[in-house]
Protein backbone atom coordinates (compact mmCIF):
# COMPACT_ATOMS: atom_id res chain seq x y z
CA UNK A 1 14.66 15.97 -15.11
CA UNK A 2 15.47 12.23 -16.53
CA UNK A 3 18.29 9.93 -15.74
CA UNK A 4 18.84 7.11 -17.64
CA UNK A 5 20.63 4.60 -14.93
CA UNK A 6 22.38 1.41 -15.14
CA UNK A 7 21.29 -1.58 -12.32
CA UNK A 8 24.41 -2.28 -10.92
CA UNK A 9 23.25 -5.55 -8.30
CA UNK A 10 19.47 -7.36 -7.34
CA UNK A 11 19.56 -8.73 -3.66
CA UNK A 12 15.96 -10.95 -2.37
CA UNK A 13 15.12 -9.59 0.78
CA UNK A 14 11.88 -11.77 1.03
CA UNK A 15 10.01 -14.07 -1.39
CA UNK A 16 8.54 -10.76 -3.04
CA UNK A 17 10.84 -8.10 -2.40
CA UNK A 18 14.10 -8.06 -4.54
CA UNK A 19 16.54 -4.27 -3.41
CA UNK A 20 18.18 -2.98 -6.57
CA UNK A 21 21.33 -0.77 -6.42
CA UNK A 22 21.53 0.79 -9.46
CA UNK A 23 24.12 3.87 -11.19
CA UNK A 24 23.76 7.30 -8.90
CA UNK A 25 23.91 10.35 -12.04
CA UNK A 26 26.86 12.92 -10.40
CA UNK A 27 25.07 15.76 -8.41
CA UNK A 28 21.54 13.55 -7.17
CA UNK A 29 20.72 13.33 -3.50
CA UNK A 30 17.53 12.33 -1.45
CA UNK A 31 16.82 13.33 1.68
CA UNK A 32 16.22 9.71 3.62
CA UNK A 33 12.69 9.22 3.49
CA UNK A 34 12.18 10.74 -0.37
CA UNK A 35 11.27 9.42 -3.44
CA UNK A 36 11.16 9.35 -7.35
CA UNK A 37 9.29 8.49 -10.26
CA UNK A 38 10.46 5.29 -12.29
CA UNK A 39 10.19 3.58 -15.29
CA UNK A 40 11.63 0.81 -17.26
CA UNK A 41 13.74 1.69 -19.60
CA UNK A 42 12.63 -0.49 -22.59
CA UNK A 43 9.82 0.15 -25.33
CA UNK A 44 6.42 0.99 -24.47
CA UNK A 45 7.69 0.71 -20.74
CA UNK A 46 9.07 4.73 -20.74
CA UNK A 47 6.44 6.46 -19.44
CA UNK A 48 5.02 4.29 -16.98
CA UNK A 49 5.95 6.00 -14.09
CA UNK A 50 5.82 4.18 -10.05
CA UNK A 51 7.29 5.99 -7.64
CA UNK A 52 9.51 4.17 -5.38
CA UNK A 53 11.69 5.44 -2.51
CA UNK A 54 15.13 5.32 -1.90
CA UNK A 55 16.14 3.06 0.85
CA UNK A 56 20.18 3.29 0.86
CA UNK A 57 22.51 5.71 2.68
CA UNK A 58 22.43 8.87 0.62
CA UNK A 59 26.85 8.90 0.89
CA UNK A 60 26.36 5.62 -0.81
CA UNK A 61 28.33 5.67 -4.78
CA UNK A 62 25.05 3.42 -5.64
CA UNK A 63 20.93 4.38 -5.33
CA UNK A 64 19.14 1.39 -3.54
CA UNK A 65 15.32 0.47 -4.02
CA UNK A 66 13.66 -1.87 -2.07
CA UNK A 67 10.45 -3.20 -4.36
CA UNK A 68 7.46 -5.25 -3.78
CA UNK A 69 6.15 -7.30 -6.55
CA UNK A 70 2.65 -7.52 -7.22
CA UNK A 71 2.25 -9.78 -9.76
CA UNK A 72 -1.21 -10.08 -10.64
CA UNK A 73 -1.24 -6.71 -11.31
CA UNK A 74 1.08 -7.06 -14.40
CA UNK A 75 3.15 -3.76 -14.42
CA UNK A 76 5.99 -2.22 -13.49
CA UNK A 77 6.60 -3.97 -10.48
CA UNK A 78 6.36 -7.15 -12.37
CA UNK A 79 8.67 -6.11 -14.97
CA UNK A 80 10.71 -4.66 -12.73
CA UNK A 81 11.53 -8.24 -10.85
CA UNK A 82 12.05 -9.74 -14.13
CA UNK A 83 15.15 -7.19 -14.86
CA UNK A 84 18.94 -8.90 -14.56
CA UNK A 85 22.12 -6.90 -13.94
CA UNK A 86 23.18 -4.11 -16.49
CA UNK A 87 18.97 -3.58 -17.88
CA UNK A 88 18.38 0.30 -17.19
CA UNK A 89 15.35 2.54 -15.25
CA UNK A 90 14.14 6.14 -15.65
CA UNK A 91 14.72 7.56 -12.55
CA UNK A 92 12.94 11.61 -12.27
CA UNK A 93 14.31 14.59 -9.71
CA UNK A 94 12.93 13.55 -5.86
CA UNK A 95 9.87 14.69 -4.02
CA UNK A 96 8.19 13.53 -0.64
CA UNK A 97 6.27 14.56 2.34
CA UNK A 98 8.04 11.95 4.58
CA UNK A 99 11.24 12.84 6.74
CA UNK A 100 12.62 12.39 10.46
CA UNK A 101 11.59 15.99 12.80
CA UNK A 102 12.34 13.84 15.75
CA UNK A 103 12.07 10.52 18.07
CA UNK A 104 8.52 8.97 18.17
CA UNK A 105 6.78 5.95 16.55
CA UNK A 106 6.94 4.35 12.67
CA UNK A 107 3.69 3.06 12.35
CA UNK A 108 4.59 0.59 8.75
CA UNK A 109 1.85 -1.61 6.84
CA UNK A 110 3.65 -4.01 4.62
CA UNK A 111 5.87 -1.89 1.64
CA UNK A 112 5.25 0.74 3.70
CA UNK A 113 8.21 -0.17 5.22
CA UNK A 114 11.02 1.70 2.44
CA UNK A 115 10.74 5.22 3.27
CA UNK A 116 11.45 4.20 6.73
CA UNK A 117 14.64 1.79 5.71
CA UNK A 118 16.80 5.36 4.90
CA UNK A 119 15.76 6.85 7.79
CA UNK A 120 16.36 4.10 10.25
CA UNK A 121 19.73 3.00 8.31
CA UNK A 122 20.91 7.28 8.68
CA UNK A 123 20.03 6.69 12.83
CA UNK A 124 21.19 3.80 12.87
CA UNK A 125 24.89 4.75 10.97
CA UNK A 126 24.59 8.08 13.27
CA UNK A 127 23.91 5.93 16.66
CA UNK A 128 20.50 8.21 16.94
CA UNK A 129 17.71 5.17 16.89
CA UNK A 130 17.01 5.90 20.46
CA UNK A 131 13.65 6.71 21.82
CA UNK A 132 12.14 5.77 18.36
CA UNK A 133 9.99 2.64 17.95
CA UNK A 134 8.88 0.67 15.05
CA UNK A 135 5.53 -0.84 14.95
CA UNK A 136 5.59 -3.22 11.13
CA UNK A 137 2.21 -5.21 10.86
CA UNK A 138 1.72 -7.85 7.58
CA UNK A 139 -0.01 -11.07 6.78
CA UNK A 140 2.75 -13.41 7.60
CA UNK A 141 6.35 -13.58 9.00
CA UNK A 142 7.87 -14.09 5.35
CA UNK A 143 6.32 -10.95 4.52
CA UNK A 144 8.78 -8.98 6.36
CA UNK A 145 10.86 -6.78 4.61
CA UNK A 146 14.32 -6.61 6.02
CA UNK A 147 13.64 -8.76 9.99
CA UNK A 148 16.74 -9.17 10.59
CA UNK A 149 18.67 -6.18 9.95
CA UNK A 150 15.62 -4.31 11.97
CA UNK A 151 15.94 -6.47 14.93
CA UNK A 152 19.58 -6.12 15.05
CA UNK A 153 18.68 -2.34 14.65
CA UNK A 154 15.88 -2.08 16.55
CA UNK A 155 16.26 -4.69 19.19
CA UNK A 156 12.82 -4.54 21.52
CA UNK A 157 12.04 -1.43 19.98
CA UNK A 158 10.27 -3.38 16.54
CA UNK A 159 7.35 -4.34 17.19
CA UNK A 160 5.72 -7.20 14.52
CA UNK A 161 1.89 -7.92 13.98
CA UNK A 162 1.12 -10.62 11.38
CA UNK A 163 -2.59 -10.48 10.56
CA UNK A 164 -2.99 -14.05 8.60
CA UNK A 165 -0.11 -16.30 10.89
CA UNK A 166 -0.72 -17.32 14.41
CA UNK A 167 3.63 -17.22 15.20
CA UNK A 168 4.13 -17.48 18.73
CA UNK A 169 7.53 -15.11 18.23
CA UNK A 170 5.24 -11.94 16.60
CA UNK A 171 2.01 -10.98 17.64
CA UNK A 172 -1.78 -11.66 15.59
CA UNK A 173 -3.72 -9.60 14.93
CA UNK A 174 -3.66 -5.30 13.52
CA UNK A 175 -2.64 -2.45 14.32
CA UNK A 176 -5.67 -1.13 15.64
CA UNK A 177 -6.77 1.01 18.50
CA UNK A 178 -6.38 -1.49 21.04
CA UNK A 179 -3.33 -2.08 19.79
CA UNK A 180 -2.08 1.92 19.62
CA UNK A 181 -2.91 2.49 22.94
CA UNK A 182 -1.51 -0.78 24.28
CA UNK A 183 2.24 -0.38 22.56
CA UNK A 184 1.96 3.72 22.16
CA UNK A 185 2.92 5.80 26.13
CA UNK A 186 2.99 8.63 24.38
CA UNK A 187 0.97 10.06 22.00
CA UNK A 188 2.48 13.81 22.06
CA UNK A 189 5.64 12.86 20.22
CA UNK A 190 6.15 12.20 16.41
CA UNK A 191 4.01 9.85 14.18
CA UNK A 192 5.68 8.18 10.68
CA UNK A 193 3.02 6.70 8.91
CA UNK A 194 3.18 4.98 5.38
CA UNK A 195 1.27 1.84 4.24
CA UNK A 196 -2.01 1.35 2.31
CA UNK A 197 -4.15 4.87 1.20
CA UNK A 198 -6.71 2.90 3.78
CA UNK A 199 -4.25 2.02 6.43
CA UNK A 200 -2.47 5.62 6.94
CA UNK A 201 -6.20 6.94 6.95
CA UNK A 202 -7.10 4.68 9.45
CA UNK A 203 -3.74 5.03 11.81
CA UNK A 204 -4.70 8.61 11.41
CA UNK A 205 -7.48 9.00 12.42
CA UNK A 206 -7.05 6.66 15.57
CA UNK A 207 -3.70 9.10 16.54
CA UNK A 208 -5.25 12.24 16.52
CA UNK A 209 -8.59 10.86 18.54
CA UNK A 210 -5.86 9.74 20.85
CA UNK A 211 -4.44 12.83 21.37
CA UNK A 212 -1.88 13.65 18.73
CA UNK A 213 -1.71 16.37 16.93
CA UNK A 214 -1.70 16.83 13.51
CA UNK A 215 1.52 18.73 13.24
CA UNK A 216 3.32 15.83 14.58
CA UNK A 217 1.87 12.81 12.20
CA UNK A 218 4.40 12.86 9.02
CA UNK A 219 2.89 11.06 6.35
CA UNK A 220 3.24 11.69 2.86
CA UNK A 221 0.35 13.54 1.45
C-alpha cells in the first residue's frame, strides 16, 4: 500500500547526512530495524523506490529517516537532500530482517548504522543497553553519524575506526580479522551487521571463521 506523507522537519546530521521527520499514517507501525521503500512525490520520481530504515522510536507521533546523500549518483538521495519542509514522500508497507535478538555486537559501516539507530534508541529508552557494543567504521571523523548521541548512550562500548584519517581520538584502519579478534571477547553471542554488501559478506565470513553461529548473525538478506 502507498502512503503520501508530508515532511515536517529536516535537520543536518553530518556534512552529507540529514534526518527527515514526516507524517505517520494512522495505524502505521514498525519493529526497530525495519525499513520501507520510499519515493519522492514529484513528477517522474513516484516509481523510483529506494529502501530506507526508520530511525525514530515506534511510539513517536512522526516517522523519521536518516539519509546519506550520494551526490554523484544523481538519484533519490541527491533529490531528497534538496527537499524542503512541506514536500512529500511516498512510503510503502514495512519490511526487513534486522531485529534485536539479545545483547551482542553491532557492526556498522557508514550509513549502515541506520537500522541500529532505532534499535539502540529503543534499548536506551528501556534502560536495556547493557551488554551491547557498537563497532562503527567510517572514512573520517566528520562521517560519523550521530556521534555525540551514540557516545552519550554507549560510552566505552562505542568503538570508532577510521580508514582515511589519523585521529588520536579514534582507531585507524578497517574492521578486519585482527580488529574483530581484539575487540570481541565472546564469539558465542549475537551479532548485528549492516553496511555495504561486500562489508557484510566479509564480516559474516570472518565471524563464522572465529566460531560465531550463523543463526546468531543478524543482517539484511
